[in-house]
């Protein structure tokens, strides 16, 4: 029983697998999957930040354009 606590397991499609019983190829594939999961989570986090930043800058741009609108509307008609 004590060995089971030190032996990591992974669950895939509802079935548990002991990492110690995996082949080297299976362990390498598992490492790739785990690394890619971390990268996907990081990419989602970064995308969230970028989306909020883009939205904020877009709102700032709209505010700046709206503040300038009365001046540029009159100037455009006289040109």
PDB file of N, CA and C in Angstrom:
ATOM      1  N   UNK A   1       0.819  -1.191   0.000  1.00  0.00           N
ATOM      2  CA  UNK A   1       0.000   0.000   0.000  1.00  0.00           C
ATOM      3  C   UNK A   1       0.867   1.262   0.000  1.00  0.00           C
ATOM      4  N   UNK A   2       1.945   1.292   0.777  1.00  0.00           N
ATOM      5  CA  UNK A   2       2.798   2.462   0.855  1.00  0.00           C
ATOM      6  C   UNK A   2       3.415   2.804  -0.484  1.00  0.00           C
ATOM      7  N   UNK A   3       3.693   1.801  -1.294  1.00  0.00           N
ATOM      8  CA  UNK A   3       4.305   2.039  -2.597  1.00  0.00           C
ATOM      9  C   UNK A   3       3.321   2.739  -3.539  1.00  0.00           C
ATOM     10  N   UNK A   4       2.040   2.468  -3.411  1.00  0.00           N
ATOM     11  CA  UNK A   4       1.046   3.092  -4.264  1.00  0.00           C
ATOM     12  C   UNK A   4       1.006   4.601  -4.072  1.00  0.00           C
ATOM     13  N   UNK A   5       1.252   5.071  -2.849  1.00  0.00           N
ATOM     14  CA  UNK A   5       1.238   6.510  -2.587  1.00  0.00           C
ATOM     15  C   UNK A   5       2.414   7.201  -3.259  1.00  0.00           C
ATOM     16  N   UNK A   6       3.519   6.495  -3.443  1.00  0.00           N
ATOM     17  CA  UNK A   6       4.706   7.066  -4.077  1.00  0.00           C
ATOM     18  C   UNK A   6       4.728   6.816  -5.572  1.00  0.00           C
ATOM     19  N   UNK A   7       3.782   6.036  -6.058  1.00  0.00           N
ATOM     20  CA  UNK A   7       3.740   5.689  -7.474  1.00  0.00           C
ATOM     21  C   UNK A   7       2.643   6.513  -8.148  1.00  0.00           C
ATOM     22  N   UNK A   8       3.024   7.568  -8.877  1.00  0.00           N
ATOM     23  CA  UNK A   8       2.003   8.398  -9.513  1.00  0.00           C
ATOM     24  C   UNK A   8       1.180   7.604 -10.521  1.00  0.00           C
ATOM     25  N   UNK A   9      -0.075   8.007 -10.608  1.00  0.00           N
ATOM     26  CA  UNK A   9      -0.973   7.389 -11.580  1.00  0.00           C
ATOM     27  C   UNK A   9      -1.599   8.485 -12.425  1.00  0.00           C
ATOM     28  N   UNK A  10      -2.025   8.092 -13.598  1.00  0.00           N
ATOM     29  CA  UNK A  10      -2.707   9.017 -14.488  1.00  0.00           C
ATOM     30  C   UNK A  10      -4.000   8.335 -14.935  1.00  0.00           C
ATOM     31  N   UNK A  11      -5.066   9.123 -15.026  1.00  0.00           N
ATOM     32  CA  UNK A  11      -6.346   8.591 -15.469  1.00  0.00           C
ATOM     33  C   UNK A  11      -6.620   9.067 -16.890  1.00  0.00           C
ATOM     34  N   UNK A  12      -6.834   8.120 -17.782  1.00  0.00           N
ATOM     35  CA  UNK A  12      -7.123   8.411 -19.180  1.00  0.00           C
ATOM     36  C   UNK A  12      -8.389   7.663 -19.558  1.00  0.00           C
ATOM     37  N   UNK A  13      -9.391   8.408 -19.982  1.00  0.00           N
ATOM     38  CA  UNK A  13     -10.683   7.823 -20.355  1.00  0.00           C
ATOM     39  C   UNK A  13     -11.254   6.934 -19.254  1.00  0.00           C
ATOM     40  N   UNK A  14     -11.104   7.400 -18.008  1.00  0.00           N
ATOM     41  CA  UNK A  14     -11.674   6.686 -16.880  1.00  0.00           C
ATOM     42  C   UNK A  14     -10.855   5.502 -16.385  1.00  0.00           C
ATOM     43  N   UNK A  15      -9.733   5.243 -17.000  1.00  0.00           N
ATOM     44  CA  UNK A  15      -8.890   4.118 -16.588  1.00  0.00           C
ATOM     45  C   UNK A  15      -7.590   4.649 -16.000  1.00  0.00           C
ATOM     46  N   UNK A  16      -7.182   4.079 -14.850  1.00  0.00           N
ATOM     47  CA  UNK A  16      -5.959   4.522 -14.191  1.00  0.00           C
ATOM     48  C   UNK A  16      -4.760   3.697 -14.654  1.00  0.00           C
ATOM     49  N   UNK A  17      -3.663   4.409 -14.842  1.00  0.00           N
ATOM     50  CA  UNK A  17      -2.408   3.778 -15.262  1.00  0.00           C
ATOM     51  C   UNK A  17      -1.314   4.214 -14.304  1.00  0.00           C
ATOM     52  N   UNK A  18      -0.493   3.269 -13.863  1.00  0.00           N
ATOM     53  CA  UNK A  18       0.663   3.599 -13.031  1.00  0.00           C
ATOM     54  C   UNK A  18       1.800   4.034 -13.949  1.00  0.00           C
ATOM     55  N   UNK A  19       2.371   5.172 -13.627  1.00  0.00           N
ATOM     56  CA  UNK A  19       3.466   5.691 -14.444  1.00  0.00           C
ATOM     57  C   UNK A  19       4.646   4.725 -14.417  1.00  0.00           C
ATOM     58  N   UNK A  20       4.874   4.084 -13.286  1.00  0.00           N
ATOM     59  CA  UNK A  20       6.016   3.163 -13.162  1.00  0.00           C
ATOM     60  C   UNK A  20       5.873   1.939 -14.070  1.00  0.00           C
ATOM     61  N   UNK A  21       4.667   1.650 -14.511  1.00  0.00           N
ATOM     62  CA  UNK A  21       4.443   0.497 -15.377  1.00  0.00           C
ATOM     63  C   UNK A  21       4.412   0.866 -16.855  1.00  0.00           C
ATOM     64  N   UNK A  22       4.605   2.133 -17.144  1.00  0.00           N
ATOM     65  CA  UNK A  22       4.610   2.582 -18.537  1.00  0.00           C
ATOM     66  C   UNK A  22       5.961   2.354 -19.182  1.00  0.00           C
ATOM     67  N   UNK A  23       5.948   2.186 -20.500  1.00  0.00           N
ATOM     68  CA  UNK A  23       7.202   2.089 -21.238  1.00  0.00           C
ATOM     69  C   UNK A  23       7.825   3.479 -21.328  1.00  0.00           C
ATOM     70  N   UNK A  24       9.080   3.531 -21.725  1.00  0.00           N
ATOM     71  CA  UNK A  24       9.744   4.826 -21.892  1.00  0.00           C
ATOM     72  C   UNK A  24       9.007   5.688 -22.922  1.00  0.00           C
ATOM     73  N   UNK A  25       8.527   5.063 -23.989  1.00  0.00           N
ATOM     74  CA  UNK A  25       7.796   5.801 -25.008  1.00  0.00           C
ATOM     75  C   UNK A  25       6.494   6.374 -24.429  1.00  0.00           C
ATOM     76  N   UNK A  26       5.785   5.570 -23.642  1.00  0.00           N
ATOM     77  CA  UNK A  26       4.542   6.038 -23.031  1.00  0.00           C
ATOM     78  C   UNK A  26       4.805   7.182 -22.055  1.00  0.00           C
ATOM     79  N   UNK A  27       5.882   7.079 -21.290  1.00  0.00           N
ATOM     80  CA  UNK A  27       6.242   8.156 -20.364  1.00  0.00           C
ATOM     81  C   UNK A  27       6.577   9.437 -21.120  1.00  0.00           C
ATOM     82  N   UNK A  28       7.285   9.299 -22.234  1.00  0.00           N
ATOM     83  CA  UNK A  28       7.638  10.469 -23.039  1.00  0.00           C
ATOM     84  C   UNK A  28       6.376  11.105 -23.621  1.00  0.00           C
ATOM     85  N   UNK A  29       5.447  10.283 -24.108  1.00  0.00           N
ATOM     86  CA  UNK A  29       4.200  10.799 -24.646  1.00  0.00           C
ATOM     87  C   UNK A  29       3.384  11.498 -23.564  1.00  0.00           C
ATOM     88  N   UNK A  30       3.365  10.913 -22.371  1.00  0.00           N
ATOM     89  CA  UNK A  30       2.673  11.532 -21.245  1.00  0.00           C
ATOM     90  C   UNK A  30       3.299  12.885 -20.908  1.00  0.00           C
ATOM     91  N   UNK A  31       4.626  12.952 -20.916  1.00  0.00           N
ATOM     92  CA  UNK A  31       5.315  14.218 -20.654  1.00  0.00           C
ATOM     93  C   UNK A  31       4.927  15.279 -21.687  1.00  0.00           C
ATOM     94  N   UNK A  32       4.835  14.870 -22.960  1.00  0.00           N
ATOM     95  CA  UNK A  32       4.436  15.814 -24.008  1.00  0.00           C
ATOM     96  C   UNK A  32       3.014  16.309 -23.771  1.00  0.00           C
ATOM     97  N   UNK A  33       2.111  15.389 -23.459  1.00  0.00           N
ATOM     98  CA  UNK A  33       0.716  15.774 -23.214  1.00  0.00           C
ATOM     99  C   UNK A  33       0.636  16.740 -22.044  1.00  0.00           C
ATOM    100  N   UNK A  34       1.320  16.447 -20.958  1.00  0.00           N
ATOM    101  CA  UNK A  34       1.276  17.309 -19.776  1.00  0.00           C
ATOM    102  C   UNK A  34       1.875  18.684 -20.079  1.00  0.00           C
ATOM    103  N   UNK A  35       2.984  18.709 -20.820  1.00  0.00           N
ATOM    104  CA  UNK A  35       3.620  19.972 -21.175  1.00  0.00           C
ATOM    105  C   UNK A  35       2.711  20.795 -22.085  1.00  0.00           C
ATOM    106  N   UNK A  36       2.073  20.135 -23.035  1.00  0.00           N
ATOM    107  CA  UNK A  36       1.171  20.840 -23.938  1.00  0.00           C
ATOM    108  C   UNK A  36      -0.057  21.362 -23.202  1.00  0.00           C
ATOM    109  N   UNK A  37      -0.545  20.633 -22.215  1.00  0.00           N
ATOM    110  CA  UNK A  37      -1.673  21.116 -21.410  1.00  0.00           C
ATOM    111  C   UNK A  37      -1.289  22.396 -20.671  1.00  0.00           C
ATOM    112  N   UNK A  38      -0.069  22.427 -20.126  1.00  0.00           N
ATOM    113  CA  UNK A  38       0.409  23.640 -19.452  1.00  0.00           C
ATOM    114  C   UNK A  38       0.513  24.802 -20.446  1.00  0.00           C
ATOM    115  N   UNK A  39       1.028  24.514 -21.637  1.00  0.00           N
ATOM    116  CA  UNK A  39       1.182  25.565 -22.638  1.00  0.00           C
ATOM    117  C   UNK A  39      -0.167  26.083 -23.126  1.00  0.00           C
ATOM    118  N   UNK A  40      -1.132  25.198 -23.296  1.00  0.00           N
ATOM    119  CA  UNK A  40      -2.472  25.617 -23.711  1.00  0.00           C
ATOM    120  C   UNK A  40      -3.089  26.501 -22.634  1.00  0.00           C
ATOM    121  N   UNK A  41      -2.952  26.107 -21.374  1.00  0.00           N
ATOM    122  CA  UNK A  41      -3.484  26.919 -20.274  1.00  0.00           C
ATOM    123  C   UNK A  41      -2.805  28.283 -20.243  1.00  0.00           C
ATOM    124  N   UNK A  42      -1.504  28.307 -20.456  1.00  0.00           N
ATOM    125  CA  UNK A  42      -0.763  29.566 -20.478  1.00  0.00           C
ATOM    126  C   UNK A  42      -1.197  30.429 -21.661  1.00  0.00           C
ATOM    127  N   UNK A  43      -1.399  29.809 -22.811  1.00  0.00           N
ATOM    128  CA  UNK A  43      -1.839  30.552 -23.994  1.00  0.00           C
ATOM    129  C   UNK A  43      -3.224  31.147 -23.772  1.00  0.00           C
ATOM    130  N   UNK A  44      -4.115  30.392 -23.129  1.00  0.00           N
ATOM    131  CA  UNK A  44      -5.456  30.915 -22.826  1.00  0.00           C
ATOM    132  C   UNK A  44      -5.361  32.114 -21.880  1.00  0.00           C
ATOM    133  N   UNK A  45      -4.505  32.000 -20.871  1.00  0.00           N
ATOM    134  CA  UNK A  45      -4.287  33.091 -19.924  1.00  0.00           C
ATOM    135  C   UNK A  45      -3.778  34.323 -20.662  1.00  0.00           C
ATOM    136  N   UNK A  46      -2.778  34.133 -21.530  1.00  0.00           N
ATOM    137  CA  UNK A  46      -2.225  35.244 -22.300  1.00  0.00           C
ATOM    138  C   UNK A  46      -3.264  35.833 -23.243  1.00  0.00           C
ATOM    139  N   UNK A  47      -4.084  34.978 -23.864  1.00  0.00           N
ATOM    140  CA  UNK A  47      -5.122  35.473 -24.756  1.00  0.00           C
ATOM    141  C   UNK A  47      -6.137  36.317 -23.992  1.00  0.00           C
ATOM    142  N   UNK A  48      -6.490  35.885 -22.792  1.00  0.00           N
ATOM    143  CA  UNK A  48      -7.397  36.678 -21.961  1.00  0.00           C
ATOM    144  C   UNK A  48      -6.807  38.059 -21.691  1.00  0.00           C
ATOM    145  N   UNK A  49      -5.526  38.093 -21.325  1.00  0.00           N
ATOM    146  CA  UNK A  49      -4.873  39.375 -21.057  1.00  0.00           C
ATOM    147  C   UNK A  49      -4.838  40.246 -22.310  1.00  0.00           C
ATOM    148  N   UNK A  50      -4.496  39.647 -23.432  1.00  0.00           N
ATOM    149  CA  UNK A  50      -4.419  40.404 -24.680  1.00  0.00           C
ATOM    150  C   UNK A  50      -5.789  40.929 -25.098  1.00  0.00           C
ATOM    151  N   UNK A  51      -6.814  40.133 -24.923  1.00  0.00           N
ATOM    152  CA  UNK A  51      -8.172  40.556 -25.282  1.00  0.00           C
ATOM    153  C   UNK A  51      -8.629  41.731 -24.432  1.00  0.00           C
ATOM    154  N   UNK A  52      -8.375  41.656 -23.130  1.00  0.00           N
ATOM    155  CA  UNK A  52      -8.752  42.755 -22.245  1.00  0.00           C
ATOM    156  C   UNK A  52      -7.944  44.008 -22.601  1.00  0.00           C
ATOM    157  N   UNK A  53      -6.670  43.844 -22.864  1.00  0.00           N
ATOM    158  CA  UNK A  53      -5.834  44.975 -23.253  1.00  0.00           C
ATOM    159  C   UNK A  53      -6.306  45.607 -24.549  1.00  0.00           C
ATOM    160  N   UNK A  54      -6.613  44.781 -25.546  1.00  0.00           N
ATOM    161  CA  UNK A  54      -7.101  45.286 -26.829  1.00  0.00           C
ATOM    162  C   UNK A  54      -8.412  46.044 -26.627  1.00  0.00           C
ATOM    163  N   UNK A  55      -9.323  45.453 -25.866  1.00  0.00           N
ATOM    164  CA  UNK A  55     -10.610  46.112 -25.606  1.00  0.00           C
ATOM    165  C   UNK A  55     -10.416  47.453 -24.906  1.00  0.00           C
ATOM    166  N   UNK A  56      -9.498  47.489 -23.947  1.00  0.00           N
ATOM    167  CA  UNK A  56      -9.236  48.742 -23.227  1.00  0.00           C
ATOM    168  C   UNK A  56      -8.686  49.814 -24.155  1.00  0.00           C
ATOM    169  N   UNK A  57      -7.733  49.442 -24.989  1.00  0.00           N
ATOM    170  CA  UNK A  57      -7.173  50.412 -25.920  1.00  0.00           C
ATOM    171  C   UNK A  57      -8.204  50.846 -26.955  1.00  0.00           C
ATOM    172  N   UNK A  58      -9.057  49.931 -27.383  1.00  0.00           N
ATOM    173  CA  UNK A  58     -10.108  50.286 -28.332  1.00  0.00           C
ATOM    174  C   UNK A  58     -11.084  51.283 -27.701  1.00  0.00           C
ATOM    175  N   UNK A  59     -11.431  51.041 -26.438  1.00  0.00           N
ATOM    176  CA  UNK A  59     -12.317  51.978 -25.736  1.00  0.00           C
ATOM    177  C   UNK A  59     -11.657  53.339 -25.561  1.00  0.00           C
ATOM    178  N   UNK A  60     -10.362  53.348 -25.260  1.00  0.00           N
ATOM    179  CA  UNK A  60      -9.634  54.617 -25.162  1.00  0.00           C
ATOM    180  C   UNK A  60      -9.629  55.344 -26.508  1.00  0.00           C
ATOM    181  N   UNK A  61      -9.443  54.598 -27.590  1.00  0.00           N
ATOM    182  CA  UNK A  61      -9.457  55.190 -28.927  1.00  0.00           C
ATOM    183  C   UNK A  61     -10.825  55.793 -29.233  1.00  0.00           C
ATOM    184  N   UNK A  62     -11.894  55.056 -28.939  1.00  0.00           N
ATOM    185  CA  UNK A  62     -13.239  55.577 -29.184  1.00  0.00           C
ATOM    186  C   UNK A  62     -13.483  56.850 -28.385  1.00  0.00           C
ATOM    187  N   UNK A  63     -13.063  56.857 -27.116  1.00  0.00           N
ATOM    188  CA  UNK A  63     -13.229  58.038 -26.279  1.00  0.00           C
ATOM    189  C   UNK A  63     -12.462  59.222 -26.857  1.00  0.00           C
ATOM    190  N   UNK A  64     -11.245  58.968 -27.303  1.00  0.00           N
ATOM    191  CA  UNK A  64     -10.429  60.036 -27.884  1.00  0.00           C
ATOM    192  C   UNK A  64     -11.045  60.556 -29.172  1.00  0.00           C
ATOM    193  N   UNK A  65     -11.587  59.663 -29.995  1.00  0.00           N
ATOM    194  CA  UNK A  65     -12.217  60.090 -31.246  1.00  0.00           C
ATOM    195  C   UNK A  65     -13.509  60.863 -30.981  1.00  0.00           C
ATOM    196  N   UNK A  66     -14.270  60.428 -29.997  1.00  0.00           N
ATOM    197  CA  UNK A  66     -15.507  61.120 -29.658  1.00  0.00           C
ATOM    198  C   UNK A  66     -15.224  62.514 -29.098  1.00  0.00           C
ATOM    199  N   UNK A  67     -14.157  62.627 -28.342  1.00  0.00           N
ATOM    200  CA  UNK A  67     -13.777  63.930 -27.779  1.00  0.00           C
ATOM    201  C   UNK A  67     -13.334  64.888 -28.882  1.00  0.00           C
ATOM    202  N   UNK A  68     -12.759  64.361 -29.935  1.00  0.00           N
ATOM    203  CA  UNK A  68     -12.255  65.176 -31.036  1.00  0.00           C
ATOM    204  C   UNK A  68     -13.342  65.417 -32.086  1.00  0.00           C
ATOM    205  N   UNK A  69     -14.397  64.645 -32.107  1.00  0.00           N
ATOM    206  CA  UNK A  69     -15.410  64.692 -33.163  1.00  0.00           C
ATOM    207  C   UNK A  69     -15.978  66.077 -33.433  1.00  0.00           C
ATOM    208  N   UNK A  70     -16.388  66.849 -32.436  1.00  0.00           N
ATOM    209  CA  UNK A  70     -16.967  68.182 -32.759  1.00  0.00           C
ATOM    210  C   UNK A  70     -15.998  69.082 -33.487  1.00  0.00           C
ATOM    211  N   UNK A  71     -14.715  69.049 -33.160  1.00  0.00           N
ATOM    212  CA  UNK A  71     -13.725  69.889 -33.844  1.00  0.00           C
ATOM    213  C   UNK A  71     -13.520  69.451 -35.278  1.00  0.00           C
ATOM    214  N   UNK A  72     -13.392  68.135 -35.502  1.00  0.00           N
ATOM    215  CA  UNK A  72     -13.080  67.649 -36.838  1.00  0.00           C
ATOM    216  C   UNK A  72     -14.287  67.706 -37.753  1.00  0.00           C
ATOM    217  N   UNK A  73     -15.538  67.644 -37.222  1.00  0.00           N
ATOM    218  CA  UNK A  73     -16.707  67.727 -38.080  1.00  0.00           C
ATOM    219  C   UNK A  73     -16.796  69.090 -38.736  1.00  0.00           C
ATOM    220  N   UNK A  74     -16.569  70.135 -37.975  1.00  0.00           N
ATOM    221  CA  UNK A  74     -16.615  71.481 -38.535  1.00  0.00           C
ATOM    222  C   UNK A  74     -15.467  71.744 -39.487  1.00  0.00           C
ATOM    223  N   UNK A  75     -14.296  71.269 -39.157  1.00  0.00           N
ATOM    224  CA  UNK A  75     -13.130  71.487 -39.986  1.00  0.00           C
ATOM    225  C   UNK A  75     -13.264  70.761 -41.304  1.00  0.00           C
ATOM    226  N   UNK A  76     -13.878  69.603 -41.315  1.00  0.00           N
ATOM    227  CA  UNK A  76     -14.017  68.826 -42.526  1.00  0.00           C
ATOM    228  C   UNK A  76     -14.961  69.459 -43.539  1.00  0.00           C
ATOM    229  N   UNK A  77     -15.965  70.186 -43.062  1.00  0.00           N
ATOM    230  CA  UNK A  77     -16.928  70.803 -43.953  1.00  0.00           C
ATOM    231  C   UNK A  77     -16.345  72.019 -44.664  1.00  0.00           C
ATOM    232  N   UNK A  78     -15.396  72.687 -44.036  1.00  0.00           N
ATOM    233  CA  UNK A  78     -14.820  73.889 -44.626  1.00  0.00           C
ATOM    234  C   UNK A  78     -13.696  73.589 -45.608  1.00  0.00           C
ATOM    235  N   UNK A  79     -13.204  72.387 -45.634  1.00  0.00           N
ATOM    236  CA  UNK A  79     -12.065  72.072 -46.517  1.00  0.00           C
ATOM    237  C   UNK A  79     -12.462  71.894 -47.929  1.00  0.00           C
TER     238      UNK A  79
END
